[in-house]
C-alpha atoms as a PDB file:
ATOM      1  CA  MET A   1      43.822 -89.297   4.151  1.00  0.00           C
ATOM      2  CA  LYS A   2      40.607 -88.034   5.757  1.00  0.00           C
ATOM      3  CA  ARG A   3      41.819 -89.187   9.175  1.00  0.00           C
ATOM      4  CA  TYR A   4      45.040 -87.188   8.805  1.00  0.00           C
ATOM      5  CA  LEU A   5      43.090 -84.136   7.608  1.00  0.00           C
ATOM      6  CA  VAL A   6      40.844 -84.205  10.666  1.00  0.00           C
ATOM      7  CA  THR A   7      43.874 -84.515  12.959  1.00  0.00           C
ATOM      8  CA  PHE A   8      45.492 -81.505  11.295  1.00  0.00           C
ATOM      9  CA  LEU A   9      42.309 -79.460  11.569  1.00  0.00           C
ATOM     10  CA  ILE A  10      41.947 -80.298  15.258  1.00  0.00           C
ATOM     11  CA  LEU A  11      45.495 -79.132  15.972  1.00  0.00           C
ATOM     12  CA  ALA A  12      45.048 -75.995  13.891  1.00  0.00           C
ATOM     13  CA  GLY A  13      41.784 -75.097  15.580  1.00  0.00           C
ATOM     14  CA  ALA A  14      43.221 -75.552  19.072  1.00  0.00           C
ATOM     15  CA  SER A  15      45.599 -72.627  18.503  1.00  0.00           C
ATOM     16  CA  LEU A  16      42.864 -70.060  17.817  1.00  0.00           C
ATOM     17  CA  LEU A  17      43.224 -67.188  20.262  1.00  0.00           C
ATOM     18  CA  LEU A  18      40.302 -66.130  22.431  1.00  0.00           C
ATOM     19  CA  PRO A  19      39.197 -62.478  22.474  1.00  0.00           C
ATOM     20  CA  ALA A  20      41.133 -60.188  24.795  1.00  0.00           C
ATOM     21  CA  GLN A  21      38.031 -59.115  26.702  1.00  0.00           C
ATOM     22  CA  ARG A  22      35.119 -61.007  28.158  1.00  0.00           C
ATOM     23  CA  LYS A  23      31.775 -59.347  28.768  1.00  0.00           C
ATOM     24  CA  THR A  24      30.313 -59.406  32.261  1.00  0.00           C
ATOM     25  CA  ILE A  25      26.617 -60.258  32.331  1.00  0.00           C
ATOM     26  CA  ASN A  26      24.927 -58.811  35.400  1.00  0.00           C
ATOM     27  CA  LEU A  27      22.393 -61.409  36.488  1.00  0.00           C
ATOM     28  CA  PRO A  28      21.892 -62.518  40.084  1.00  0.00           C
ATOM     29  CA  ASP A  29      22.217 -65.970  41.606  1.00  0.00           C
ATOM     30  CA  LEU A  30      19.303 -67.581  43.405  1.00  0.00           C
ATOM     31  CA  PRO A  31      19.927 -68.561  47.042  1.00  0.00           C
ATOM     32  CA  GLY A  32      21.830 -71.854  47.039  1.00  0.00           C
ATOM     33  CA  PHE A  33      22.501 -71.767  43.299  1.00  0.00           C
ATOM     34  CA  VAL A  34      24.708 -70.096  40.709  1.00  0.00           C
ATOM     35  CA  THR A  35      23.167 -68.717  37.531  1.00  0.00           C
ATOM     36  CA  LEU A  36      24.874 -70.208  34.481  1.00  0.00           C
ATOM     37  CA  LYS A  37      24.400 -68.401  31.176  1.00  0.00           C
ATOM     38  CA  CYS A  38      24.127 -70.951  28.371  1.00  0.00           C
ATOM     39  CA  ASP A  39      23.399 -71.479  24.673  1.00  0.00           C
ATOM     40  CA  PHE A  40      22.731 -75.121  23.781  1.00  0.00           C
ATOM     41  CA  HIS A  41      21.965 -74.940  20.056  1.00  0.00           C
ATOM     42  CA  MET A  42      24.585 -73.839  17.505  1.00  0.00           C
ATOM     43  CA  HIS A  43      26.044 -75.135  14.254  1.00  0.00           C
ATOM     44  CA  THR A  44      29.439 -75.185  12.553  1.00  0.00           C
ATOM     45  CA  VAL A  45      30.901 -76.185   9.184  1.00  0.00           C
ATOM     46  CA  PHE A  46      30.524 -79.799  10.304  1.00  0.00           C
ATOM     47  CA  SER A  47      26.845 -79.552   9.339  1.00  0.00           C
ATOM     48  CA  ASP A  48      25.175 -76.466   7.845  1.00  0.00           C
ATOM     49  CA  GLY A  49      26.933 -73.731   9.808  1.00  0.00           C
ATOM     50  CA  ASN A  50      29.462 -71.284   8.379  1.00  0.00           C
ATOM     51  CA  VAL A  51      32.119 -71.113  11.112  1.00  0.00           C
ATOM     52  CA  TRP A  52      34.837 -73.295  12.582  1.00  0.00           C
ATOM     53  CA  PRO A  53      34.060 -74.855  16.019  1.00  0.00           C
ATOM     54  CA  THR A  54      36.564 -72.719  17.905  1.00  0.00           C
ATOM     55  CA  VAL A  55      34.771 -69.601  16.668  1.00  0.00           C
ATOM     56  CA  ARG A  56      31.738 -70.712  18.685  1.00  0.00           C
ATOM     57  CA  VAL A  57      33.928 -70.846  21.793  1.00  0.00           C
ATOM     58  CA  ALA A  58      35.460 -67.430  21.084  1.00  0.00           C
ATOM     59  CA  GLU A  59      32.003 -65.912  20.637  1.00  0.00           C
ATOM     60  CA  ALA A  60      30.794 -67.458  23.894  1.00  0.00           C
ATOM     61  CA  TYR A  61      33.846 -66.153  25.729  1.00  0.00           C
ATOM     62  CA  ARG A  62      33.327 -62.636  24.375  1.00  0.00           C
ATOM     63  CA  ASP A  63      29.615 -62.765  25.243  1.00  0.00           C
ATOM     64  CA  GLY A  64      30.233 -63.814  28.850  1.00  0.00           C
ATOM     65  CA  LEU A  65      28.613 -67.247  28.649  1.00  0.00           C
ATOM     66  CA  ASP A  66      29.363 -70.069  31.051  1.00  0.00           C
ATOM     67  CA  ALA A  67      28.388 -73.030  28.873  1.00  0.00           C
ATOM     68  CA  ILE A  68      27.622 -73.878  25.253  1.00  0.00           C
ATOM     69  CA  ALA A  69      26.774 -76.913  23.157  1.00  0.00           C
ATOM     70  CA  ILE A  70      27.675 -77.294  19.505  1.00  0.00           C
ATOM     71  CA  THR A  71      24.826 -79.348  18.054  1.00  0.00           C
ATOM     72  CA  ASP A  72      25.598 -80.132  14.439  1.00  0.00           C
ATOM     73  CA  HIS A  73      23.032 -82.145  12.531  1.00  0.00           C
ATOM     74  CA  ILE A  74      23.380 -85.903  12.416  1.00  0.00           C
ATOM     75  CA  GLU A  75      21.322 -86.445   9.267  1.00  0.00           C
ATOM     76  CA  TYR A  76      22.046 -83.205   7.384  1.00  0.00           C
ATOM     77  CA  GLN A  77      25.646 -82.825   6.213  1.00  0.00           C
ATOM     78  CA  PRO A  78      25.651 -80.456   3.197  1.00  0.00           C
ATOM     79  CA  LYS A  79      29.447 -80.062   3.273  1.00  0.00           C
ATOM     80  CA  LYS A  80      30.273 -83.775   3.433  1.00  0.00           C
ATOM     81  CA  ASP A  81      32.027 -83.683   0.038  1.00  0.00           C
ATOM     82  CA  TYR A  82      34.537 -81.211   1.477  1.00  0.00           C
ATOM     83  CA  ILE A  83      34.660 -81.951   5.215  1.00  0.00           C
ATOM     84  CA  PRO A  84      34.871 -85.513   6.554  1.00  0.00           C
ATOM     85  CA  THR A  85      31.797 -86.643   8.475  1.00  0.00           C
ATOM     86  CA  ASP A  86      32.744 -87.299  12.087  1.00  0.00           C
ATOM     87  CA  HIS A  87      29.830 -86.256  14.262  1.00  0.00           C
ATOM     88  CA  ASN A  88      32.182 -85.815  17.233  1.00  0.00           C
ATOM     89  CA  ALA A  89      34.653 -83.597  15.366  1.00  0.00           C
ATOM     90  CA  ALA A  90      33.338 -80.176  16.409  1.00  0.00           C
ATOM     91  CA  TRP A  91      33.361 -81.180  20.072  1.00  0.00           C
ATOM     92  CA  LYS A  92      36.931 -82.509  19.780  1.00  0.00           C
ATOM     93  CA  ILE A  93      38.184 -79.420  17.969  1.00  0.00           C
ATOM     94  CA  ALA A  94      36.605 -76.929  20.372  1.00  0.00           C
ATOM     95  CA  GLY A  95      37.696 -78.692  23.563  1.00  0.00           C
ATOM     96  CA  ASN A  96      41.041 -77.010  24.199  1.00  0.00           C
ATOM     97  CA  ALA A  97      39.723 -73.522  23.437  1.00  0.00           C
ATOM     98  CA  ALA A  98      36.817 -74.113  25.830  1.00  0.00           C
ATOM     99  CA  ARG A  99      39.153 -75.209  28.612  1.00  0.00           C
ATOM    100  CA  GLU A 100      41.412 -72.190  28.041  1.00  0.00           C
ATOM    101  CA  GLY A 101      38.392 -69.864  28.139  1.00  0.00           C
ATOM    102  CA  ASN A 102      36.755 -71.472  31.191  1.00  0.00           C
ATOM    103  CA  ILE A 103      33.724 -72.387  29.083  1.00  0.00           C
ATOM    104  CA  ILE A 104      31.780 -75.571  29.867  1.00  0.00           C
ATOM    105  CA  LEU A 105      31.565 -77.318  26.493  1.00  0.00           C
ATOM    106  CA  VAL A 106      28.636 -79.732  26.423  1.00  0.00           C
ATOM    107  CA  HIS A 107      28.965 -82.609  23.965  1.00  0.00           C
ATOM    108  CA  GLY A 108      25.865 -82.456  21.794  1.00  0.00           C
ATOM    109  CA  ALA A 109      24.264 -83.261  18.451  1.00  0.00           C
ATOM    110  CA  GLU A 110      20.982 -82.567  16.673  1.00  0.00           C
ATOM    111  CA  ILE A 111      18.729 -85.418  15.575  1.00  0.00           C
ATOM    112  CA  THR A 112      17.159 -83.899  12.470  1.00  0.00           C
ATOM    113  CA  ARG A 113      13.889 -85.445  11.264  1.00  0.00           C
ATOM    114  CA  ASP A 114      10.611 -84.424   9.669  1.00  0.00           C
ATOM    115  CA  MET A 115       7.674 -83.535  11.893  1.00  0.00           C
ATOM    116  CA  PRO A 116       6.752 -85.505  13.851  1.00  0.00           C
ATOM    117  CA  PRO A 117       8.878 -85.524  15.928  1.00  0.00           C
ATOM    118  CA  GLY A 118      10.897 -82.721  14.308  1.00  0.00           C
ATOM    119  CA  HIS A 119      14.376 -81.763  15.479  1.00  0.00           C
ATOM    120  CA  LEU A 120      15.761 -82.745  18.873  1.00  0.00           C
ATOM    121  CA  ASN A 121      19.065 -81.915  20.538  1.00  0.00           C
ATOM    122  CA  ALA A 122      20.880 -84.547  22.564  1.00  0.00           C
ATOM    123  CA  LEU A 123      23.175 -82.990  25.198  1.00  0.00           C
ATOM    124  CA  PHE A 124      25.827 -84.598  27.423  1.00  0.00           C
ATOM    125  CA  ILE A 125      26.332 -87.485  25.013  1.00  0.00           C
ATOM    126  CA  THR A 126      29.535 -89.521  24.751  1.00  0.00           C
ATOM    127  CA  ASP A 127      29.478 -90.525  21.072  1.00  0.00           C
ATOM    128  CA  ALA A 128      27.439 -88.682  18.454  1.00  0.00           C
ATOM    129  CA  ASN A 129      28.275 -91.268  15.803  1.00  0.00           C
ATOM    130  CA  ALA A 130      26.201 -93.816  17.723  1.00  0.00           C
ATOM    131  CA  LEU A 131      23.093 -91.726  16.946  1.00  0.00           C
ATOM    132  CA  VAL A 132      23.232 -92.607  13.253  1.00  0.00           C
ATOM    133  CA  LYS A 133      20.101 -94.778  13.043  1.00  0.00           C
ATOM    134  CA  ASP A 134      17.399 -95.305  10.440  1.00  0.00           C
ATOM    135  CA  SER A 135      14.636 -95.003  13.012  1.00  0.00           C
ATOM    136  CA  VAL A 136      14.279 -91.710  14.864  1.00  0.00           C
ATOM    137  CA  TYR A 137      13.064 -93.646  17.872  1.00  0.00           C
ATOM    138  CA  ASP A 138      16.234 -95.750  17.814  1.00  0.00           C
ATOM    139  CA  ALA A 139      18.386 -92.611  17.496  1.00  0.00           C
ATOM    140  CA  ILE A 140      16.744 -91.024  20.550  1.00  0.00           C
ATOM    141  CA  GLU A 141      17.037 -94.270  22.489  1.00  0.00           C
ATOM    142  CA  ALA A 142      20.761 -94.443  21.651  1.00  0.00           C
ATOM    143  CA  ALA A 143      21.189 -90.929  23.071  1.00  0.00           C
ATOM    144  CA  VAL A 144      19.197 -91.761  26.196  1.00  0.00           C
ATOM    145  CA  LYS A 145      21.426 -94.793  26.787  1.00  0.00           C
ATOM    146  CA  GLN A 146      24.361 -92.364  26.897  1.00  0.00           C
ATOM    147  CA  GLY A 147      22.617 -90.368  29.637  1.00  0.00           C
ATOM    148  CA  ALA A 148      21.573 -87.586  27.278  1.00  0.00           C
ATOM    149  CA  PHE A 149      19.371 -84.627  28.083  1.00  0.00           C
ATOM    150  CA  ILE A 150      16.957 -84.442  25.135  1.00  0.00           C
ATOM    151  CA  HIS A 151      15.252 -81.211  24.174  1.00  0.00           C
ATOM    152  CA  TRP A 152      12.779 -80.518  21.395  1.00  0.00           C
ATOM    153  CA  ASN A 153      13.931 -77.725  19.077  1.00  0.00           C
ATOM    154  CA  HIS A 154      11.747 -74.963  17.574  1.00  0.00           C
ATOM    155  CA  PRO A 155       8.477 -76.933  17.929  1.00  0.00           C
ATOM    156  CA  GLY A 156       6.501 -74.292  16.023  1.00  0.00           C
ATOM    157  CA  TRP A 157       9.015 -73.774  13.209  1.00  0.00           C
ATOM    158  CA  LYS A 158       6.927 -72.840  10.174  1.00  0.00           C
ATOM    159  CA  SER A 159       8.958 -75.046   7.844  1.00  0.00           C
ATOM    160  CA  GLN A 160       7.474 -77.969   9.779  1.00  0.00           C
ATOM    161  CA  GLU A 161       4.340 -76.403  11.314  1.00  0.00           C
ATOM    162  CA  PRO A 162       2.998 -73.921   8.728  1.00  0.00           C
ATOM    163  CA  ASP A 163       0.647 -72.263  11.229  1.00  0.00           C
ATOM    164  CA  GLY A 164       3.503 -71.752  13.686  1.00  0.00           C
ATOM    165  CA  ILE A 165       1.647 -73.505  16.516  1.00  0.00           C
ATOM    166  CA  PRO A 166       3.452 -76.376  18.294  1.00  0.00           C
ATOM    167  CA  LYS A 167       1.475 -79.615  18.580  1.00  0.00           C
ATOM    168  CA  LEU A 168       1.978 -82.794  20.548  1.00  0.00           C
ATOM    169  CA  TYR A 169       1.849 -85.773  18.193  1.00  0.00           C
ATOM    170  CA  GLY A 170       1.647 -89.416  19.166  1.00  0.00           C
ATOM    171  CA  ILE A 171       5.415 -89.910  19.104  1.00  0.00           C
ATOM    172  CA  HIS A 172       5.923 -86.900  21.385  1.00  0.00           C
ATOM    173  CA  LYS A 173       3.466 -88.325  23.890  1.00  0.00           C
ATOM    174  CA  ARG A 174       5.266 -91.681  23.707  1.00  0.00           C
ATOM    175  CA  LEU A 175       8.641 -90.001  24.259  1.00  0.00           C
ATOM    176  CA  LEU A 176       7.248 -87.980  27.163  1.00  0.00           C
ATOM    177  CA  SER A 177       5.733 -91.123  28.677  1.00  0.00           C
ATOM    178  CA  ASN A 178       9.147 -92.799  28.442  1.00  0.00           C
ATOM    179  CA  GLY A 179      10.845 -89.795  30.032  1.00  0.00           C
ATOM    180  CA  TRP A 180      12.805 -89.235  26.828  1.00  0.00           C
ATOM    181  CA  ILE A 181      12.072 -85.526  26.363  1.00  0.00           C
ATOM    182  CA  HIS A 182      13.518 -83.328  29.105  1.00  0.00           C
ATOM    183  CA  GLY A 183      13.097 -79.800  27.749  1.00  0.00           C
ATOM    184  CA  ILE A 184      11.532 -77.728  24.962  1.00  0.00           C
ATOM    185  CA  GLU A 185      12.690 -74.562  23.262  1.00  0.00           C
ATOM    186  CA  PHE A 186      10.338 -71.734  24.149  1.00  0.00           C
ATOM    187  CA  PHE A 187      12.452 -69.379  22.036  1.00  0.00           C
ATOM    188  CA  ASN A 188      14.562 -70.166  18.973  1.00  0.00           C
ATOM    189  CA  ASP A 189      16.419 -67.715  16.757  1.00  0.00           C
ATOM    190  CA  SER A 190      13.759 -64.979  16.507  1.00  0.00           C
ATOM    191  CA  GLU A 191      10.448 -66.565  17.488  1.00  0.00           C
ATOM    192  CA  TYR A 192       8.788 -67.966  20.572  1.00  0.00           C
ATOM    193  CA  TYR A 193       5.940 -70.354  21.313  1.00  0.00           C
ATOM    194  CA  PRO A 194       3.736 -69.309  24.275  1.00  0.00           C
ATOM    195  CA  ASN A 195       1.947 -72.627  24.827  1.00  0.00           C
ATOM    196  CA  ILE A 196       5.259 -74.351  25.523  1.00  0.00           C
ATOM    197  CA  LEU A 197       5.164 -73.030  29.093  1.00  0.00           C
ATOM    198  CA  GLU A 198       2.033 -75.059  29.844  1.00  0.00           C
ATOM    199  CA  TRP A 199       3.670 -78.232  28.507  1.00  0.00           C
ATOM    200  CA  CYS A 200       6.797 -77.611  30.556  1.00  0.00           C
ATOM    201  CA  ARG A 201       4.704 -77.237  33.697  1.00  0.00           C
ATOM    202  CA  GLU A 202       2.570 -80.291  32.959  1.00  0.00           C
ATOM    203  CA  TYR A 203       5.439 -82.618  32.073  1.00  0.00           C
ATOM    204  CA  LYS A 204       8.046 -81.057  34.399  1.00  0.00           C
ATOM    205  CA  LEU A 205      10.376 -80.065  31.564  1.00  0.00           C
ATOM    206  CA  ALA A 206      13.071 -77.414  31.317  1.00  0.00           C
ATOM    207  CA  VAL A 207      12.106 -74.204  29.496  1.00  0.00           C
ATOM    208  CA  LEU A 208      14.844 -73.370  26.983  1.00  0.00           C
ATOM    209  CA  ALA A 209      15.930 -70.568  24.631  1.00  0.00           C
ATOM    210  CA  ASN A 210      18.758 -70.922  22.139  1.00  0.00           C
ATOM    211  CA  SER A 211      20.289 -69.000  19.277  1.00  0.00           C
ATOM    212  CA  ASP A 212      20.336 -71.866  16.727  1.00  0.00           C
ATOM    213  CA  GLU A 213      23.149 -69.833  15.193  1.00  0.00           C
ATOM    214  CA  HIS A 214      24.599 -70.825  11.807  1.00  0.00           C
ATOM    215  CA  GLY A 215      26.555 -67.678  10.955  1.00  0.00           C
ATOM    216  CA  ILE A 216      28.285 -65.012  13.050  1.00  0.00           C
ATOM    217  CA  ILE A 217      26.508 -64.507  16.377  1.00  0.00           C
ATOM    218  CA  SER A 218      27.207 -60.771  16.643  1.00  0.00           C
ATOM    219  CA  GLU A 219      25.589 -60.151  13.263  1.00  0.00           C
ATOM    220  CA  SER A 220      22.404 -61.887  14.377  1.00  0.00           C
ATOM    221  CA  TYR A 221      22.308 -60.478  17.926  1.00  0.00           C
ATOM    222  CA  PRO A 222      24.104 -57.111  18.245  1.00  0.00           C
ATOM    223  CA  ALA A 223      22.840 -56.658  21.838  1.00  0.00           C
ATOM    224  CA  HIS A 224      22.747 -60.109  23.417  1.00  0.00           C
ATOM    225  CA  ARG A 225      21.935 -63.570  22.170  1.00  0.00           C
ATOM    226  CA  PRO A 226      19.003 -65.570  23.557  1.00  0.00           C
ATOM    227  CA  MET A 227      20.203 -67.696  26.427  1.00  0.00           C
ATOM    228  CA  ASN A 228      19.234 -70.149  29.102  1.00  0.00           C
ATOM    229  CA  LEU A 229      19.662 -69.140  32.728  1.00  0.00           C
ATOM    230  CA  VAL A 230      20.343 -72.433  34.491  1.00  0.00           C
ATOM    231  CA  PHE A 231      20.324 -72.487  38.287  1.00  0.00           C
ATOM    232  CA  ALA A 232      23.026 -75.000  39.176  1.00  0.00           C
ATOM    233  CA  ARG A 233      24.476 -75.881  42.545  1.00  0.00           C
ATOM    234  CA  GLU A 234      28.008 -75.354  41.227  1.00  0.00           C
ATOM    235  CA  ARG A 235      29.701 -74.161  38.065  1.00  0.00           C
ATOM    236  CA  THR A 236      30.524 -77.662  36.832  1.00  0.00           C
ATOM    237  CA  PRO A 237      29.319 -79.860  33.950  1.00  0.00           C
ATOM    238  CA  GLU A 238      27.804 -82.288  36.443  1.00  0.00           C
ATOM    239  CA  SER A 239      25.823 -79.587  38.252  1.00  0.00           C
ATOM    240  CA  LEU A 240      24.727 -78.074  34.957  1.00  0.00           C
ATOM    241  CA  LYS A 241      23.364 -81.432  33.822  1.00  0.00           C
ATOM    242  CA  GLU A 242      21.579 -82.032  37.136  1.00  0.00           C
ATOM    243  CA  ALA A 243      19.948 -78.589  36.994  1.00  0.00           C
ATOM    244  CA  LEU A 244      18.692 -79.128  33.458  1.00  0.00           C
ATOM    245  CA  PHE A 245      17.149 -82.479  34.300  1.00  0.00           C
ATOM    246  CA  ALA A 246      15.551 -80.825  37.347  1.00  0.00           C
ATOM    247  CA  GLY A 247      14.124 -78.066  35.098  1.00  0.00           C
ATOM    248  CA  ARG A 248      15.715 -75.165  37.021  1.00  0.00           C
ATOM    249  CA  THR A 249      15.775 -72.671  34.162  1.00  0.00           C
ATOM    250  CA  LEU A 250      14.569 -69.325  32.949  1.00  0.00           C
ATOM    251  CA  VAL A 251      15.117 -67.972  29.461  1.00  0.00           C
ATOM    252  CA  TRP A 252      16.203 -64.488  28.415  1.00  0.00           C
ATOM    253  CA  PHE A 253      15.673 -63.113  24.926  1.00  0.00           C
ATOM    254  CA  ASP A 254      15.488 -59.494  23.793  1.00  0.00           C
ATOM    255  CA  ASN A 255      14.282 -57.731  26.980  1.00  0.00           C
ATOM    256  CA  THR A 256      12.054 -60.617  28.018  1.00  0.00           C
ATOM    257  CA  LEU A 257      12.280 -63.366  30.632  1.00  0.00           C
ATOM    258  CA  ALA A 258      10.138 -66.493  30.513  1.00  0.00           C
ATOM    259  CA  GLY A 259       9.765 -69.587  32.642  1.00  0.00           C
ATOM    260  CA  LYS A 260       8.100 -71.117  35.645  1.00  0.00           C
ATOM    261  CA  VAL A 261       6.839 -68.897  38.454  1.00  0.00           C
ATOM    262  CA  GLU A 262       8.871 -70.735  41.096  1.00  0.00           C
ATOM    263  CA  TYR A 263      12.066 -69.452  39.476  1.00  0.00           C
ATOM    264  CA  ALA A 264      10.833 -66.201  37.915  1.00  0.00           C
ATOM    265  CA  ARG A 265       9.563 -64.671  41.174  1.00  0.00           C
ATOM    266  CA  PRO A 266      12.719 -65.150  43.317  1.00  0.00           C
ATOM    267  CA  PHE A 267      14.879 -64.137  40.365  1.00  0.00           C
ATOM    268  CA  PHE A 268      13.019 -60.836  40.014  1.00  0.00           C
ATOM    269  CA  TYR A 269      13.375 -60.102  43.732  1.00  0.00           C
ATOM    270  CA  GLN A 270      17.102 -60.911  43.558  1.00  0.00           C
ATOM    271  CA  CYS A 271      17.450 -58.382  40.743  1.00  0.00           C
ATOM    272  CA  ILE A 272      15.934 -55.428  42.587  1.00  0.00           C
ATOM    273  CA  SER A 273      16.368 -53.649  45.898  1.00  0.00           C
ATOM    274  CA  ILE A 274      13.957 -51.133  47.390  1.00  0.00           C
ATOM    275  CA  GLY A 275      15.480 -48.135  49.099  1.00  0.00           C
ATOM    276  CA  LYS A 276      14.309 -46.339  52.184  1.00  0.00           C
ATOM    277  CA  ARG A 277      12.084 -43.292  51.859  1.00  0.00           C
ATOM    278  CA  PHE A 278      14.477 -40.461  51.146  1.00  0.00           C
ATOM    279  CA  TYR A 279      11.992 -37.578  51.090  1.00  0.00           C
ATOM    280  CA  GLU A 280       8.401 -36.790  51.963  1.00  0.00           C
ATOM    281  CA  THR A 281       5.969 -33.941  51.672  1.00  0.00           C
ATOM    282  CA  GLY A 282       2.611 -33.442  53.248  1.00  0.00           C
ATOM    283  CA  LYS A 283       1.092 -35.626  50.519  1.00  0.00           C
ATOM    284  CA  ASN A 284       3.750 -38.019  49.175  1.00  0.00           C
ATOM    285  CA  TYR A 285       6.563 -40.424  49.997  1.00  0.00           C
ATOM    286  CA  TYR A 286       9.628 -40.713  47.723  1.00  0.00           C
ATOM    287  CA  PHE A 287      11.773 -43.835  47.380  1.00  0.00           C
ATOM    288  CA  GLU A 288      13.838 -45.623  44.749  1.00  0.00           C
ATOM    289  CA  ILE A 289      13.831 -49.125  43.274  1.00  0.00           C
ATOM    290  CA  THR A 290      17.262 -50.180  42.043  1.00  0.00           C
ATOM    291  CA  ASN A 291      17.755 -52.821  39.364  1.00  0.00           C
ATOM    292  CA  LYS A 292      21.113 -54.619  39.646  1.00  0.00           C
ATOM    293  CA  SER A 293      20.637 -56.691  36.489  1.00  0.00           C
ATOM    294  CA  ASP A 294      21.046 -56.274  32.727  1.00  0.00           C
ATOM    295  CA  ILE A 295      17.304 -56.837  32.242  1.00  0.00           C
ATOM    296  CA  PRO A 296      14.910 -53.853  32.422  1.00  0.00           C
ATOM    297  CA  PHE A 297      11.576 -54.491  34.099  1.00  0.00           C
ATOM    298  CA  TYR A 298       8.247 -52.986  33.081  1.00  0.00           C
ATOM    299  CA  LEU A 299       5.704 -52.943  35.915  1.00  0.00           C
ATOM    300  CA  VAL A 300       2.128 -52.306  34.821  1.00  0.00           C
ATOM    301  CA  ASN A 301      -1.459 -52.467  36.135  1.00  0.00           C
ATOM    302  CA  GLY A 302      -0.638 -50.787  39.416  1.00  0.00           C
ATOM    303  CA  PRO A 303      -3.327 -50.441  42.096  1.00  0.00           C
ATOM    304  CA  LYS A 304      -5.632 -47.465  42.346  1.00  0.00           C
ATOM    305  CA  GLY A 305      -3.977 -44.586  44.158  1.00  0.00           C
ATOM    306  CA  ALA A 306      -0.434 -45.709  43.207  1.00  0.00           C
ATOM    307  CA  PRO A 307       1.638 -45.164  40.048  1.00  0.00           C
ATOM    308  CA  SER A 308      -0.064 -47.112  37.265  1.00  0.00           C
ATOM    309  CA  SER A 309       3.274 -48.215  35.820  1.00  0.00           C
ATOM    310  CA  ILE A 310       6.931 -48.206  36.794  1.00  0.00           C
ATOM    311  CA  THR A 311       9.876 -48.791  34.462  1.00  0.00           C
ATOM    312  CA  ILE A 312      13.036 -49.979  36.207  1.00  0.00           C
ATOM    313  CA  PRO A 313      15.890 -49.685  33.691  1.00  0.00           C
ATOM    314  CA  ALA A 314      18.720 -52.181  33.585  1.00  0.00           C
ATOM    315  CA  ASN A 315      21.531 -51.327  36.019  1.00  0.00           C
ATOM    316  CA  ALA A 316      19.739 -48.191  37.137  1.00  0.00           C
ATOM    317  CA  SER A 317      17.156 -46.868  39.577  1.00  0.00           C
ATOM    318  CA  ALA A 318      13.593 -45.657  39.255  1.00  0.00           C
ATOM    319  CA  ARG A 319      12.130 -42.991  41.526  1.00  0.00           C
ATOM    320  CA  VAL A 320       8.683 -43.759  42.894  1.00  0.00           C
ATOM    321  CA  VAL A 321       6.335 -41.102  44.253  1.00  0.00           C
ATOM    322  CA  LEU A 322       3.599 -42.645  46.392  1.00  0.00           C
ATOM    323  CA  SER A 323       0.677 -40.859  47.950  1.00  0.00           C
ATOM    324  CA  LYS A 324       0.519 -41.016  51.738  1.00  0.00           C
ATOM    325  CA  SER A 325      -3.149 -41.816  51.397  1.00  0.00           C
ATOM    326  CA  PHE A 326      -2.337 -45.125  49.715  1.00  0.00           C
ATOM    327  CA  SER A 327      -2.685 -47.984  52.177  1.00  0.00           C
ATOM    328  CA  GLY A 328      -3.087 -51.093  50.043  1.00  0.00           C
ATOM    329  CA  THR A 329      -0.645 -53.603  48.539  1.00  0.00           C
ATOM    330  CA  LEU A 330       1.695 -52.185  45.931  1.00  0.00           C
ATOM    331  CA  ALA A 331       1.145 -55.013  43.418  1.00  0.00           C
ATOM    332  CA  TYR A 332       2.106 -55.019  39.740  1.00  0.00           C
ATOM    333  CA  ASP A 333       2.287 -57.260  36.705  1.00  0.00           C
ATOM    334  CA  VAL A 334       5.791 -57.485  35.241  1.00  0.00           C
ATOM    335  CA  LYS A 335       4.954 -57.144  31.565  1.00  0.00           C
ATOM    336  CA  ASN A 336       8.201 -58.657  30.298  1.00  0.00           C
ATOM    337  CA  ILE A 337       8.322 -61.766  32.522  1.00  0.00           C
ATOM    338  CA  LEU A 338       6.166 -64.431  30.856  1.00  0.00           C
ATOM    339  CA  THR A 339       4.925 -67.364  32.929  1.00  0.00           C
ATOM    340  CA  GLY A 340       2.245 -68.869  30.658  1.00  0.00           C
ATOM    341  CA  THR A 341       0.052 -68.227  27.644  1.00  0.00           C
ATOM    342  CA  GLY A 342      -1.253 -64.726  28.309  1.00  0.00           C
ATOM    343  CA  GLU A 343       0.237 -64.840  31.814  1.00  0.00           C
ATOM    344  CA  VAL A 344       2.920 -62.618  33.322  1.00  0.00           C
ATOM    345  CA  LEU A 345       4.558 -62.513  36.735  1.00  0.00           C
ATOM    346  CA  ASN A 346       2.720 -60.669  39.503  1.00  0.00           C
ATOM    347  CA  VAL A 347       4.894 -59.075  42.196  1.00  0.00           C
ATOM    348  CA  GLU A 348       4.562 -56.921  45.296  1.00  0.00           C
ATOM    349  CA  ILE A 349       6.801 -53.926  46.001  1.00  0.00           C
ATOM    350  CA  ARG A 350       7.355 -53.785  49.755  1.00  0.00           C
ATOM    351  CA  TYR A 351       8.155 -50.132  50.424  1.00  0.00           C
END
């Protein structure tokens, strides 16, 4: 009976209509890459979420995403008395809607254990049911054997780390030594963990940000959800996977970007353009900086003799008035691009 029920639910879910309109997210590509907007951590009724799998696809379509992963818990199934436990069900149900909406649907699951090691997502798996193991180490190994990309979820979650500070335990170091952790969430839901950036640099891991959504995404994030910006060679599942393993990511949450300098700096310069001087007086030059992205930038700590700060709004221009007596480098810290604990991106405005 349960088998027939699942078949019926799959067919019913496949007919869910996508929204009529899809949002356009204005974010640039890096030279040689396309920027894929992704959320790799969400839940449905097949674990502790409150929505049907196709709703996750419809939300992603409306929000302008390129790729998502539904990562229902392996070990935590609070609705199992009402919904049959097939850890691949959400992926199966959402597949047709994802194809119709041109959404890359990554097959995923969440390995849900106490700390250490905490919760880990396994992406690009082939069979989530094979991750049902008594030992967490065996569960991760089973995912790795399927070619999975493993990322550590909310490492400073206060339910598991009361002080909110992520820590590397012995099992994490063993997993890292084996090459069995490939990314860490810098941002999850509504909190972020600054020291993660140092770990991602040291161990060459992808920096990630996900919604970890259980309810309705628009109720949690009326503006935009947290997302991963993945710099892939093509808009394909294979290129997405390669880019994640290579660690080519930035993360965007609220009005903040975070990630490694080697991606943050060229991304910032791709977002802006500096216009020619359009006016001058005996004392000053006037020019504009145009921001072609949906992310505002807050430039602070300007050099002596230049504007101390410049705000470049999203999809708008900022006028800059510069004294003709200024002859140095127009260098600023971008306050909302984080590159390390207490570190932000430093840029030069070439006027």
